[in-house]
Amino acid sequence: MKERLLKVRKEQKRRQPAFKRLDSNKRNRLAIAWRRMRGLHSKVRHMRRGALKRPEPGFGAPRLVRGLSPTGLEIVRVTNPEVVSQLDPKTQGALLSGMGLRKKVAAVMAALERKVTILNLKNPDTFLAEVRERFAKKKEAKKTVKKEKTSIEAVVQKEAKEAPLTPEEKALQDQKERDKVLTHKE
């Protein structure tokens, strides 16, 4: 019965007019989203023939499938990986949102283990592969930056050891150290 109602809903939505705000095509400052007409002489408010259609209860989806995903699953918002373990794979689908990439990867892996459908990811396996690749590149970049830093520091220290300080430079360095201790300046 649910499958039949999903087909009915799909057909209804196909025939349903686009409920656009009046004059949204004429003015950029007006959003396309529907707003009820309040004008005294508004043709839309008076439901005149040829005017825009208004959203009414008759355009709604059948009650049993209202709010379900196109596949007929109840949409559950998942904000952390622990929520995935509470979902029923047969009747509920996960909508991953409101978390960072690391938690999202953990949630996807948990969903794949429990065979829960992820509604906002077309192919979870390719997503995981791309993320692993991105993490590996980031790690490599960090390693190269760290190597560069250490090599620069080593060169600077080597140069400092090789060149002996003159008495004036030594006096300046001692003065800077005293200032650091007394005034916490650098």
Protein backbone atom coordinates (compact mmCIF):
# COMPACT_ATOMS: atom_id res chain seq x y z
CA MET A 1 0.00 0.00 0.00
CA LYS A 2 2.88 2.33 0.86
CA GLU A 3 4.44 1.84 -2.57
CA ARG A 4 1.15 2.75 -4.23
CA LEU A 5 0.81 5.89 -2.12
CA LEU A 6 4.40 6.89 -2.93
CA LYS A 7 3.55 6.59 -6.64
CA VAL A 8 0.40 8.68 -6.08
CA ARG A 9 2.44 11.33 -4.27
CA LYS A 10 5.02 11.40 -7.06
CA GLU A 11 2.30 11.87 -9.68
CA GLN A 12 0.61 14.59 -7.57
CA LYS A 13 3.87 16.50 -7.17
CA ARG A 14 4.49 16.22 -10.92
CA ARG A 15 1.13 17.84 -11.69
CA GLN A 16 1.31 20.36 -8.85
CA PRO A 17 1.92 23.94 -9.99
CA ALA A 18 4.95 25.85 -8.80
CA PHE A 19 3.65 28.08 -6.03
CA LYS A 20 5.54 31.27 -6.74
CA ARG A 21 5.20 34.63 -5.09
CA LEU A 22 3.33 37.18 -7.21
CA ASP A 23 5.67 39.40 -9.29
CA SER A 24 8.78 37.50 -8.12
CA ASN A 25 9.78 37.27 -11.77
CA LYS A 26 9.59 41.08 -12.12
CA ARG A 27 11.57 42.21 -9.07
CA ASN A 28 14.88 40.78 -7.91
CA ARG A 29 14.29 41.79 -4.30
CA LEU A 30 11.27 39.46 -4.07
CA ALA A 31 12.09 35.84 -3.30
CA ILE A 32 10.40 33.13 -5.36
CA ALA A 33 9.08 31.41 -2.22
CA TRP A 34 5.30 31.60 -1.76
CA ARG A 35 3.80 34.44 0.29
CA ARG A 36 0.08 34.84 0.85
CA MET A 37 -1.50 37.80 -0.95
CA ARG A 38 -2.92 40.52 1.31
CA GLY A 39 -3.80 43.18 -1.24
CA LEU A 40 -7.34 44.52 -1.28
CA HIS A 41 -7.79 43.98 -5.03
CA SER A 42 -5.41 41.03 -5.48
CA LYS A 43 -6.54 38.62 -8.20
CA VAL A 44 -4.68 35.78 -6.49
CA ARG A 45 -6.42 36.43 -3.15
CA HIS A 46 -9.80 36.53 -4.88
CA MET A 47 -8.90 33.30 -6.74
CA ARG A 48 -9.70 34.79 -10.13
CA ARG A 49 -9.41 32.55 -13.15
CA GLY A 50 -5.99 32.80 -14.83
CA ALA A 51 -4.24 34.08 -11.69
CA LEU A 52 -1.59 32.08 -9.84
CA LYS A 53 -2.70 28.97 -7.99
CA ARG A 54 -2.60 29.10 -4.19
CA PRO A 55 -1.30 26.25 -2.03
CA GLU A 56 -4.29 24.50 -0.49
CA PRO A 57 -4.88 21.25 1.43
CA GLY A 58 -5.92 19.44 -1.75
CA PHE A 59 -2.35 19.66 -3.08
CA GLY A 60 -0.95 17.79 -0.06
CA ALA A 61 0.53 14.30 -0.16
CA PRO A 62 -1.40 11.29 1.22
CA ARG A 63 -1.22 11.27 5.01
CA LEU A 64 0.54 7.89 5.31
CA VAL A 65 3.49 8.97 3.15
CA ARG A 66 3.66 12.63 4.15
CA GLY A 67 7.20 13.63 5.16
CA LEU A 68 8.81 10.38 3.97
CA SER A 69 11.79 10.21 1.62
CA PRO A 70 11.19 9.27 -2.04
CA THR A 71 12.15 5.68 -1.17
CA GLY A 72 9.52 5.61 1.60
CA LEU A 73 11.87 5.84 4.58
CA GLU A 74 11.31 8.07 7.58
CA ILE A 75 13.90 10.86 7.53
CA VAL A 76 15.98 11.00 10.73
CA ARG A 77 18.54 13.77 11.20
CA VAL A 78 21.85 12.32 12.42
CA THR A 79 24.12 14.79 14.23
CA ASN A 80 26.59 12.29 15.74
CA PRO A 81 27.65 8.69 15.05
CA GLU A 82 25.88 7.28 18.14
CA VAL A 83 22.43 8.10 16.70
CA VAL A 84 23.02 5.68 13.81
CA SER A 85 22.95 2.71 16.20
CA GLN A 86 19.39 3.64 17.26
CA LEU A 87 17.97 3.65 13.70
CA ASP A 88 15.83 0.89 12.21
CA PRO A 89 17.33 0.09 8.76
CA LYS A 90 13.97 -1.09 7.36
CA THR A 91 11.88 2.00 8.13
CA GLN A 92 14.33 4.86 8.77
CA GLY A 93 16.96 6.65 6.69
CA ALA A 94 19.83 8.80 7.98
CA LEU A 95 20.22 12.45 6.99
CA LEU A 96 23.78 13.37 7.99
CA SER A 97 24.10 17.03 9.00
CA GLY A 98 25.49 19.34 11.64
CA MET A 99 28.82 17.61 12.20
CA GLY A 100 32.42 17.88 11.06
CA LEU A 101 34.16 15.62 8.59
CA ARG A 102 35.67 13.23 11.15
CA LYS A 103 32.31 12.57 12.82
CA LYS A 104 30.65 12.29 9.42
CA VAL A 105 33.14 9.58 8.39
CA ALA A 106 32.44 7.70 11.64
CA ALA A 107 28.68 8.01 11.07
CA VAL A 108 28.97 6.75 7.48
CA MET A 109 31.03 3.76 8.61
CA ALA A 110 28.49 2.96 11.34
CA ALA A 111 25.64 3.25 8.82
CA LEU A 112 27.39 0.91 6.40
CA GLU A 113 27.90 -1.65 9.18
CA ARG A 114 24.22 -1.56 10.17
CA LYS A 115 23.04 -1.29 6.53
CA VAL A 116 21.21 1.99 7.21
CA THR A 117 20.36 4.05 4.11
CA ILE A 118 22.10 7.44 3.99
CA LEU A 119 19.72 9.80 2.23
CA ASN A 120 22.10 12.67 1.44
CA LEU A 121 25.03 10.63 0.09
CA LYS A 122 24.76 8.96 -3.31
CA ASN A 123 27.72 6.60 -2.86
CA PRO A 124 29.14 6.29 0.69
CA ASP A 125 32.08 4.12 -0.45
CA THR A 126 33.42 6.74 -2.86
CA PHE A 127 32.87 9.42 -0.19
CA LEU A 128 35.00 7.45 2.28
CA ALA A 129 37.73 6.87 -0.33
CA GLU A 130 37.87 10.61 -1.18
CA VAL A 131 38.05 11.58 2.49
CA ARG A 132 40.86 9.09 3.20
CA GLU A 133 42.76 10.46 0.21
CA ARG A 134 42.26 14.03 1.44
CA PHE A 135 43.47 13.12 4.95
CA ALA A 136 46.57 11.41 3.49
CA LYS A 137 47.43 14.49 1.38
CA LYS A 138 46.99 16.74 4.42
CA LYS A 139 49.29 14.51 6.48
CA GLU A 140 51.96 14.58 3.78
CA ALA A 141 51.72 18.36 3.52
CA LYS A 142 52.21 18.67 7.30
CA LYS A 143 55.28 16.42 7.17
CA THR A 144 56.91 18.48 4.42
CA VAL A 145 56.22 21.75 6.27
CA LYS A 146 57.71 20.29 9.46
CA LYS A 147 60.84 19.14 7.57
CA GLU A 148 61.26 22.58 6.02
CA LYS A 149 60.91 24.26 9.43
CA THR A 150 63.50 22.01 11.05
CA SER A 151 65.95 22.47 8.17
CA ILE A 152 65.61 26.29 8.34
CA GLU A 153 66.09 26.26 12.14
CA ALA A 154 69.18 24.03 11.78
CA VAL A 155 70.74 26.41 9.23
CA VAL A 156 70.07 29.44 11.46
CA GLN A 157 71.57 27.71 14.52
CA LYS A 158 74.60 26.59 12.52
CA GLU A 159 75.21 30.14 11.27
CA ALA A 160 74.84 31.50 14.80
CA LYS A 161 77.44 29.04 16.14
CA GLU A 162 79.92 29.74 13.34
CA ALA A 163 79.98 33.55 13.62
CA PRO A 164 81.57 34.78 16.89
CA LEU A 165 79.87 37.76 18.55
CA THR A 166 81.59 41.11 18.83
CA PRO A 167 81.64 42.82 22.26
CA GLU A 168 78.92 45.31 21.15
CA GLU A 169 76.62 42.49 19.90
CA LYS A 170 77.20 40.59 23.14
CA ALA A 171 76.28 43.67 25.19
CA LEU A 172 73.10 44.16 23.09
CA GLN A 173 72.10 40.52 23.56
CA ASP A 174 72.61 40.75 27.36
CA GLN A 175 70.56 43.96 27.44
CA LYS A 176 67.69 42.24 25.52
CA GLU A 177 67.70 39.33 27.96
CA ARG A 178 67.53 41.70 30.95
CA ASP A 179 64.65 43.60 29.31
CA LYS A 180 62.84 40.32 28.74
CA VAL A 181 63.10 39.35 32.40
CA LEU A 182 62.19 42.80 33.74
CA THR A 183 59.45 43.93 31.35
CA HIS A 184 58.40 40.68 29.65
CA LYS A 185 59.16 42.24 26.25
CA GLU A 186 60.47 40.32 23.28
